Amino acid sequence: MDKNAIRYWIKFADFYQMPHITYFDSISALVDKLDKMTRAELLQISTKMTEYNAVALQELLGKWKKILTLIAKTSVNAPH
C-alpha cells in the first residue's frame, strides 16, 4: 500500500471535504468527544449537515442535468 498515493487521492473523496464533520482518531477519542458534546450541539451539527446535503444535492443534480443535456444534444447531431 502506497501511503503517498492514498494521501494524494483521498483529498478528492467527497466525504473528506464535507463541512460539519467531527473527526476522531480512535474509538476512545470518539467516545470522549461525544461525552463532551451536548444534545443541542449534536442536533446543531445534524441540522447543518442536513442543510448542506440539500444544497449539495441540488447543485449535483444541476451539474448532471447540464452534462446529460449536452450529451443528448451532441449525440443527436453526431454521425452514426
PDB file of N, CA and C in Angstrom:
ATOM      1  N   MET A   1       0.845  -1.171   0.000  1.00  0.00           N
ATOM      2  CA  MET A   1       0.000   0.000   0.000  1.00  0.00           C
ATOM      3  C   MET A   1       0.895   1.240   0.000  1.00  0.00           C
ATOM      4  N   ASP A   2       0.680   2.126  -0.954  1.00  0.00           N
ATOM      5  CA  ASP A   2       1.468   3.342  -1.075  1.00  0.00           C
ATOM      6  C   ASP A   2       0.772   4.484  -0.336  1.00  0.00           C
ATOM      7  N   LYS A   3       1.307   4.852   0.823  1.00  0.00           N
ATOM      8  CA  LYS A   3       0.674   5.882   1.657  1.00  0.00           C
ATOM      9  C   LYS A   3       0.631   7.231   0.954  1.00  0.00           C
ATOM     10  N   ASN A   4       1.637   7.558   0.174  1.00  0.00           N
ATOM     11  CA  ASN A   4       1.637   8.835  -0.554  1.00  0.00           C
ATOM     12  C   ASN A   4       0.529   8.875  -1.596  1.00  0.00           C
ATOM     13  N   ALA A   5       0.306   7.758  -2.267  1.00  0.00           N
ATOM     14  CA  ALA A   5      -0.771   7.689  -3.255  1.00  0.00           C
ATOM     15  C   ALA A   5      -2.124   7.844  -2.574  1.00  0.00           C
ATOM     16  N   ILE A   6      -2.284   7.201  -1.432  1.00  0.00           N
ATOM     17  CA  ILE A   6      -3.541   7.316  -0.688  1.00  0.00           C
ATOM     18  C   ILE A   6      -3.764   8.759  -0.268  1.00  0.00           C
ATOM     19  N   ARG A   7      -2.731   9.412   0.276  1.00  0.00           N
ATOM     20  CA  ARG A   7      -2.859  10.817   0.686  1.00  0.00           C
ATOM     21  C   ARG A   7      -3.231  11.707  -0.492  1.00  0.00           C
ATOM     22  N   TYR A   8      -2.645  11.414  -1.652  1.00  0.00           N
ATOM     23  CA  TYR A   8      -2.938  12.216  -2.840  1.00  0.00           C
ATOM     24  C   TYR A   8      -4.407  12.068  -3.241  1.00  0.00           C
ATOM     25  N   TRP A   9      -4.888  10.835  -3.367  1.00  0.00           N
ATOM     26  CA  TRP A   9      -6.227  10.587  -3.888  1.00  0.00           C
ATOM     27  C   TRP A   9      -7.323  10.861  -2.869  1.00  0.00           C
ATOM     28  N   ILE A  10      -7.027  10.736  -1.599  1.00  0.00           N
ATOM     29  CA  ILE A  10      -8.058  10.900  -0.568  1.00  0.00           C
ATOM     30  C   ILE A  10      -8.633  12.314  -0.556  1.00  0.00           C
ATOM     31  N   LYS A  11      -7.829  13.306  -0.971  1.00  0.00           N
ATOM     32  CA  LYS A  11      -8.330  14.682  -0.975  1.00  0.00           C
ATOM     33  C   LYS A  11      -9.433  14.896  -2.007  1.00  0.00           C
ATOM     34  N   PHE A  12      -9.591  13.964  -2.925  1.00  0.00           N
ATOM     35  CA  PHE A  12     -10.656  14.064  -3.925  1.00  0.00           C
ATOM     36  C   PHE A  12     -11.937  13.358  -3.484  1.00  0.00           C
ATOM     37  N   ALA A  13     -11.886  12.667  -2.363  1.00  0.00           N
ATOM     38  CA  ALA A  13     -13.056  11.950  -1.869  1.00  0.00           C
ATOM     39  C   ALA A  13     -14.039  12.926  -1.228  1.00  0.00           C
ATOM     40  N   ASP A  14     -15.293  12.853  -1.648  1.00  0.00           N
ATOM     41  CA  ASP A  14     -16.322  13.776  -1.153  1.00  0.00           C
ATOM     42  C   ASP A  14     -16.439  13.789   0.366  1.00  0.00           C
ATOM     43  N   PHE A  15     -16.416  12.613   0.962  1.00  0.00           N
ATOM     44  CA  PHE A  15     -16.676  12.538   2.389  1.00  0.00           C
ATOM     45  C   PHE A  15     -15.577  13.159   3.234  1.00  0.00           C
ATOM     46  N   TYR A  16     -14.431  13.488   2.651  1.00  0.00           N
ATOM     47  CA  TYR A  16     -13.376  14.175   3.384  1.00  0.00           C
ATOM     48  C   TYR A  16     -13.437  15.683   3.194  1.00  0.00           C
ATOM     49  N   GLN A  17     -14.361  16.158   2.370  1.00  0.00           N
ATOM     50  CA  GLN A  17     -14.438  17.579   2.078  1.00  0.00           C
ATOM     51  C   GLN A  17     -15.760  18.195   2.512  1.00  0.00           C
ATOM     52  N   MET A  18     -16.553  17.467   3.218  1.00  0.00           N
ATOM     53  CA  MET A  18     -17.852  17.961   3.644  1.00  0.00           C
ATOM     54  C   MET A  18     -17.712  18.716   4.966  1.00  0.00           C
ATOM     55  N   PRO A  19     -18.435  19.829   5.097  1.00  0.00           N
ATOM     56  CA  PRO A  19     -18.357  20.587   6.346  1.00  0.00           C
ATOM     57  C   PRO A  19     -19.152  19.911   7.466  1.00  0.00           C
ATOM     58  N   HIS A  20     -18.864  20.328   8.663  1.00  0.00           N
ATOM     59  CA  HIS A  20     -19.600  19.928   9.874  1.00  0.00           C
ATOM     60  C   HIS A  20     -19.310  18.501  10.340  1.00  0.00           C
ATOM     61  N   ILE A  21     -18.321  17.855   9.726  1.00  0.00           N
ATOM     62  CA  ILE A  21     -17.966  16.506  10.162  1.00  0.00           C
ATOM     63  C   ILE A  21     -17.056  16.609  11.383  1.00  0.00           C
ATOM     64  N   THR A  22     -17.302  15.765  12.359  1.00  0.00           N
ATOM     65  CA  THR A  22     -16.451  15.701  13.542  1.00  0.00           C
ATOM     66  C   THR A  22     -15.476  14.542  13.354  1.00  0.00           C
ATOM     67  N   TYR A  23     -14.202  14.856  13.359  1.00  0.00           N
ATOM     68  CA  TYR A  23     -13.179  13.846  13.129  1.00  0.00           C
ATOM     69  C   TYR A  23     -12.672  13.274  14.449  1.00  0.00           C
ATOM     70  N   PHE A  24     -12.231  12.028  14.399  1.00  0.00           N
ATOM     71  CA  PHE A  24     -11.652  11.378  15.570  1.00  0.00           C
ATOM     72  C   PHE A  24     -10.628  10.355  15.102  1.00  0.00           C
ATOM     73  N   ASP A  25      -9.673  10.053  15.966  1.00  0.00           N
ATOM     74  CA  ASP A  25      -8.578   9.147  15.605  1.00  0.00           C
ATOM     75  C   ASP A  25      -8.745   7.730  16.133  1.00  0.00           C
ATOM     76  N   SER A  26      -9.658   7.568  17.070  1.00  0.00           N
ATOM     77  CA  SER A  26      -9.860   6.246  17.653  1.00  0.00           C
ATOM     78  C   SER A  26     -11.250   6.202  18.274  1.00  0.00           C
ATOM     79  N   ILE A  27     -11.677   5.019  18.636  1.00  0.00           N
ATOM     80  CA  ILE A  27     -12.975   4.867  19.281  1.00  0.00           C
ATOM     81  C   ILE A  27     -12.990   5.621  20.608  1.00  0.00           C
ATOM     82  N   SER A  28     -11.895   5.546  21.346  1.00  0.00           N
ATOM     83  CA  SER A  28     -11.859   6.243  22.644  1.00  0.00           C
ATOM     84  C   SER A  28     -11.916   7.761  22.439  1.00  0.00           C
ATOM     85  N   ALA A  29     -11.296   8.264  21.374  1.00  0.00           N
ATOM     86  CA  ALA A  29     -11.380   9.708  21.079  1.00  0.00           C
ATOM     87  C   ALA A  29     -12.806  10.087  20.705  1.00  0.00           C
ATOM     88  N   LEU A  30     -13.488   9.213  19.960  1.00  0.00           N
ATOM     89  CA  LEU A  30     -14.888   9.463  19.612  1.00  0.00           C
ATOM     90  C   LEU A  30     -15.758   9.498  20.859  1.00  0.00           C
ATOM     91  N   VAL A  31     -15.588   8.516  21.712  1.00  0.00           N
ATOM     92  CA  VAL A  31     -16.371   8.462  22.954  1.00  0.00           C
ATOM     93  C   VAL A  31     -16.117   9.710  23.787  1.00  0.00           C
ATOM     94  N   ASP A  32     -14.862  10.138  23.858  1.00  0.00           N
ATOM     95  CA  ASP A  32     -14.505  11.340  24.611  1.00  0.00           C
ATOM     96  C   ASP A  32     -15.205  12.574  24.032  1.00  0.00           C
ATOM     97  N   LYS A  33     -15.183  12.709  22.724  1.00  0.00           N
ATOM     98  CA  LYS A  33     -15.845  13.852  22.077  1.00  0.00           C
ATOM     99  C   LYS A  33     -17.342  13.820  22.321  1.00  0.00           C
ATOM    100  N   LEU A  34     -17.933  12.644  22.184  1.00  0.00           N
ATOM    101  CA  LEU A  34     -19.379  12.530  22.388  1.00  0.00           C
ATOM    102  C   LEU A  34     -19.770  12.827  23.830  1.00  0.00           C
ATOM    103  N   ASP A  35     -18.929  12.430  24.769  1.00  0.00           N
ATOM    104  CA  ASP A  35     -19.193  12.722  26.184  1.00  0.00           C
ATOM    105  C   ASP A  35     -19.203  14.221  26.459  1.00  0.00           C
ATOM    106  N   LYS A  36     -18.377  14.963  25.732  1.00  0.00           N
ATOM    107  CA  LYS A  36     -18.241  16.401  25.963  1.00  0.00           C
ATOM    108  C   LYS A  36     -19.274  17.233  25.199  1.00  0.00           C
ATOM    109  N   MET A  37     -19.948  16.638  24.224  1.00  0.00           N
ATOM    110  CA  MET A  37     -20.917  17.385  23.421  1.00  0.00           C
ATOM    111  C   MET A  37     -22.307  17.268  24.026  1.00  0.00           C
ATOM    112  N   THR A  38     -23.026  18.363  23.965  1.00  0.00           N
ATOM    113  CA  THR A  38     -24.399  18.339  24.460  1.00  0.00           C
ATOM    114  C   THR A  38     -25.329  17.848  23.353  1.00  0.00           C
ATOM    115  N   ARG A  39     -26.524  17.481  23.735  1.00  0.00           N
ATOM    116  CA  ARG A  39     -27.535  17.067  22.755  1.00  0.00           C
ATOM    117  C   ARG A  39     -27.804  18.201  21.772  1.00  0.00           C
ATOM    118  N   ALA A  40     -27.845  19.427  22.277  1.00  0.00           N
ATOM    119  CA  ALA A  40     -28.091  20.591  21.414  1.00  0.00           C
ATOM    120  C   ALA A  40     -26.979  20.747  20.370  1.00  0.00           C
ATOM    121  N   GLU A  41     -25.740  20.522  20.783  1.00  0.00           N
ATOM    122  CA  GLU A  41     -24.612  20.616  19.838  1.00  0.00           C
ATOM    123  C   GLU A  41     -24.716  19.538  18.757  1.00  0.00           C
ATOM    124  N   LEU A  42     -25.066  18.322  19.174  1.00  0.00           N
ATOM    125  CA  LEU A  42     -25.211  17.238  18.214  1.00  0.00           C
ATOM    126  C   LEU A  42     -26.354  17.518  17.235  1.00  0.00           C
ATOM    127  N   LEU A  43     -27.461  18.041  17.739  1.00  0.00           N
ATOM    128  CA  LEU A  43     -28.588  18.389  16.870  1.00  0.00           C
ATOM    129  C   LEU A  43     -28.225  19.524  15.921  1.00  0.00           C
ATOM    130  N   GLN A  44     -27.432  20.479  16.394  1.00  0.00           N
ATOM    131  CA  GLN A  44     -27.000  21.583  15.541  1.00  0.00           C
ATOM    132  C   GLN A  44     -26.109  21.060  14.402  1.00  0.00           C
ATOM    133  N   ILE A  45     -25.195  20.165  14.712  1.00  0.00           N
ATOM    134  CA  ILE A  45     -24.338  19.560  13.686  1.00  0.00           C
ATOM    135  C   ILE A  45     -25.201  18.810  12.674  1.00  0.00           C
ATOM    136  N   SER A  46     -26.147  18.032  13.160  1.00  0.00           N
ATOM    137  CA  SER A  46     -27.029  17.269  12.284  1.00  0.00           C
ATOM    138  C   SER A  46     -27.835  18.191  11.373  1.00  0.00           C
ATOM    139  N   THR A  47     -28.352  19.272  11.929  1.00  0.00           N
ATOM    140  CA  THR A  47     -29.126  20.230  11.146  1.00  0.00           C
ATOM    141  C   THR A  47     -28.272  20.868  10.064  1.00  0.00           C
ATOM    142  N   LYS A  48     -27.062  21.285  10.426  1.00  0.00           N
ATOM    143  CA  LYS A  48     -26.161  21.909   9.451  1.00  0.00           C
ATOM    144  C   LYS A  48     -25.779  20.932   8.346  1.00  0.00           C
ATOM    145  N   MET A  49     -25.552  19.672   8.707  1.00  0.00           N
ATOM    146  CA  MET A  49     -25.220  18.664   7.709  1.00  0.00           C
ATOM    147  C   MET A  49     -26.403  18.415   6.773  1.00  0.00           C
ATOM    148  N   THR A  50     -27.600  18.378   7.329  1.00  0.00           N
ATOM    149  CA  THR A  50     -28.803  18.178   6.519  1.00  0.00           C
ATOM    150  C   THR A  50     -28.997  19.333   5.542  1.00  0.00           C
ATOM    151  N   GLU A  51     -28.798  20.552   6.020  1.00  0.00           N
ATOM    152  CA  GLU A  51     -28.925  21.734   5.158  1.00  0.00           C
ATOM    153  C   GLU A  51     -27.877  21.711   4.046  1.00  0.00           C
ATOM    154  N   TYR A  52     -26.655  21.398   4.396  1.00  0.00           N
ATOM    155  CA  TYR A  52     -25.580  21.317   3.406  1.00  0.00           C
ATOM    156  C   TYR A  52     -25.895  20.248   2.359  1.00  0.00           C
ATOM    157  N   ASN A  53     -26.346  19.085   2.813  1.00  0.00           N
ATOM    158  CA  ASN A  53     -26.647  17.993   1.893  1.00  0.00           C
ATOM    159  C   ASN A  53     -27.766  18.353   0.921  1.00  0.00           C
ATOM    160  N   ALA A  54     -28.764  19.099   1.383  1.00  0.00           N
ATOM    161  CA  ALA A  54     -29.860  19.507   0.499  1.00  0.00           C
ATOM    162  C   ALA A  54     -29.348  20.428  -0.610  1.00  0.00           C
ATOM    163  N   VAL A  55     -28.495  21.379  -0.250  1.00  0.00           N
ATOM    164  CA  VAL A  55     -27.921  22.303  -1.235  1.00  0.00           C
ATOM    165  C   VAL A  55     -26.990  21.537  -2.184  1.00  0.00           C
ATOM    166  N   ALA A  56     -26.155  20.681  -1.634  1.00  0.00           N
ATOM    167  CA  ALA A  56     -25.209  19.911  -2.450  1.00  0.00           C
ATOM    168  C   ALA A  56     -25.946  19.013  -3.436  1.00  0.00           C
ATOM    169  N   LEU A  57     -27.044  18.424  -3.013  1.00  0.00           N
ATOM    170  CA  LEU A  57     -27.830  17.570  -3.900  1.00  0.00           C
ATOM    171  C   LEU A  57     -28.369  18.372  -5.077  1.00  0.00           C
ATOM    172  N   GLN A  58     -28.918  19.545  -4.802  1.00  0.00           N
ATOM    173  CA  GLN A  58     -29.452  20.382  -5.886  1.00  0.00           C
ATOM    174  C   GLN A  58     -28.349  20.797  -6.855  1.00  0.00           C
ATOM    175  N   GLU A  59     -27.195  21.151  -6.328  1.00  0.00           N
ATOM    176  CA  GLU A  59     -26.063  21.516  -7.189  1.00  0.00           C
ATOM    177  C   GLU A  59     -25.624  20.331  -8.043  1.00  0.00           C
ATOM    178  N   LEU A  60     -25.545  19.167  -7.442  1.00  0.00           N
ATOM    179  CA  LEU A  60     -25.138  17.967  -8.161  1.00  0.00           C
ATOM    180  C   LEU A  60     -26.149  17.607  -9.250  1.00  0.00           C
ATOM    181  N   LEU A  61     -27.430  17.665  -8.925  1.00  0.00           N
ATOM    182  CA  LEU A  61     -28.452  17.375  -9.926  1.00  0.00           C
ATOM    183  C   LEU A  61     -28.381  18.362 -11.087  1.00  0.00           C
ATOM    184  N   GLY A  62     -28.125  19.632 -10.783  1.00  0.00           N
ATOM    185  CA  GLY A  62     -27.984  20.640 -11.826  1.00  0.00           C
ATOM    186  C   GLY A  62     -26.799  20.354 -12.735  1.00  0.00           C
ATOM    187  N   LYS A  63     -25.681  19.948 -12.147  1.00  0.00           N
ATOM    188  CA  LYS A  63     -24.497  19.614 -12.937  1.00  0.00           C
ATOM    189  C   LYS A  63     -24.772  18.424 -13.855  1.00  0.00           C
ATOM    190  N   TRP A  64     -25.418  17.385 -13.316  1.00  0.00           N
ATOM    191  CA  TRP A  64     -25.706  16.209 -14.129  1.00  0.00           C
ATOM    192  C   TRP A  64     -26.712  16.542 -15.232  1.00  0.00           C
ATOM    193  N   LYS A  65     -27.664  17.404 -14.936  1.00  0.00           N
ATOM    194  CA  LYS A  65     -28.629  17.807 -15.962  1.00  0.00           C
ATOM    195  C   LYS A  65     -27.903  18.487 -17.120  1.00  0.00           C
ATOM    196  N   LYS A  66     -26.962  19.380 -16.813  1.00  0.00           N
ATOM    197  CA  LYS A  66     -26.187  20.056 -17.861  1.00  0.00           C
ATOM    198  C   LYS A  66     -25.363  19.050 -18.670  1.00  0.00           C
ATOM    199  N   ILE A  67     -24.719  18.131 -17.983  1.00  0.00           N
ATOM    200  CA  ILE A  67     -23.888  17.130 -18.652  1.00  0.00           C
ATOM    201  C   ILE A  67     -24.734  16.259 -19.580  1.00  0.00           C
ATOM    202  N   LEU A  68     -25.844  15.742 -19.042  1.00  0.00           N
ATOM    203  CA  LEU A  68     -26.680  14.850 -19.848  1.00  0.00           C
ATOM    204  C   LEU A  68     -27.360  15.583 -20.995  1.00  0.00           C
ATOM    205  N   THR A  69     -27.729  16.847 -20.775  1.00  0.00           N
ATOM    206  CA  THR A  69     -28.307  17.645 -21.854  1.00  0.00           C
ATOM    207  C   THR A  69     -27.294  17.856 -22.964  1.00  0.00           C
ATOM    208  N   LEU A  70     -26.066  18.162 -22.597  1.00  0.00           N
ATOM    209  CA  LEU A  70     -25.000  18.340 -23.586  1.00  0.00           C
ATOM    210  C   LEU A  70     -24.757  17.043 -24.363  1.00  0.00           C
ATOM    211  N   ILE A  71     -24.726  15.928 -23.673  1.00  0.00           N
ATOM    212  CA  ILE A  71     -24.529  14.636 -24.336  1.00  0.00           C
ATOM    213  C   ILE A  71     -25.679  14.363 -25.302  1.00  0.00           C
ATOM    214  N   ALA A  72     -26.895  14.617 -24.844  1.00  0.00           N
ATOM    215  CA  ALA A  72     -28.060  14.367 -25.708  1.00  0.00           C
ATOM    216  C   ALA A  72     -28.024  15.240 -26.947  1.00  0.00           C
ATOM    217  N   LYS A  73     -27.677  16.513 -26.792  1.00  0.00           N
ATOM    218  CA  LYS A  73     -27.625  17.425 -27.933  1.00  0.00           C
ATOM    219  C   LYS A  73     -26.530  17.025 -28.919  1.00  0.00           C
ATOM    220  N   THR A  74     -25.382  16.669 -28.427  1.00  0.00           N
ATOM    221  CA  THR A  74     -24.268  16.332 -29.317  1.00  0.00           C
ATOM    222  C   THR A  74     -24.440  14.958 -29.945  1.00  0.00           C
ATOM    223  N   SER A  75     -25.094  14.051 -29.257  1.00  0.00           N
ATOM    224  CA  SER A  75     -25.277  12.703 -29.814  1.00  0.00           C
ATOM    225  C   SER A  75     -26.340  12.697 -30.910  1.00  0.00           C
ATOM    226  N   VAL A  76     -27.292  13.616 -30.855  1.00  0.00           N
ATOM    227  CA  VAL A  76     -28.318  13.702 -31.896  1.00  0.00           C
ATOM    228  C   VAL A  76     -27.692  14.173 -33.197  1.00  0.00           C
ATOM    229  N   ASN A  77     -26.744  15.092 -33.090  1.00  0.00           N
ATOM    230  CA  ASN A  77     -26.103  15.669 -34.267  1.00  0.00           C
ATOM    231  C   ASN A  77     -24.881  14.877 -34.732  1.00  0.00           C
ATOM    232  N   ALA A  78     -24.456  13.932 -33.963  1.00  0.00           N
ATOM    233  CA  ALA A  78     -23.251  13.173 -34.308  1.00  0.00           C
ATOM    234  C   ALA A  78     -23.551  12.154 -35.399  1.00  0.00           C
ATOM    235  N   PRO A  79     -22.599  11.942 -36.308  1.00  0.00           N
ATOM    236  CA  PRO A  79     -22.816  10.920 -37.341  1.00  0.00           C
ATOM    237  C   PRO A  79     -22.812   9.538 -36.729  1.00  0.00           C
ATOM    238  N   HIS A  80     -23.630   8.653 -37.251  1.00  0.00           N
ATOM    239  CA  HIS A  80     -23.726   7.290 -36.697  1.00  0.00           C
ATOM    240  C   HIS A  80     -22.973   6.313 -37.536  1.00  0.00           C
TER     241      HIS A  80
END
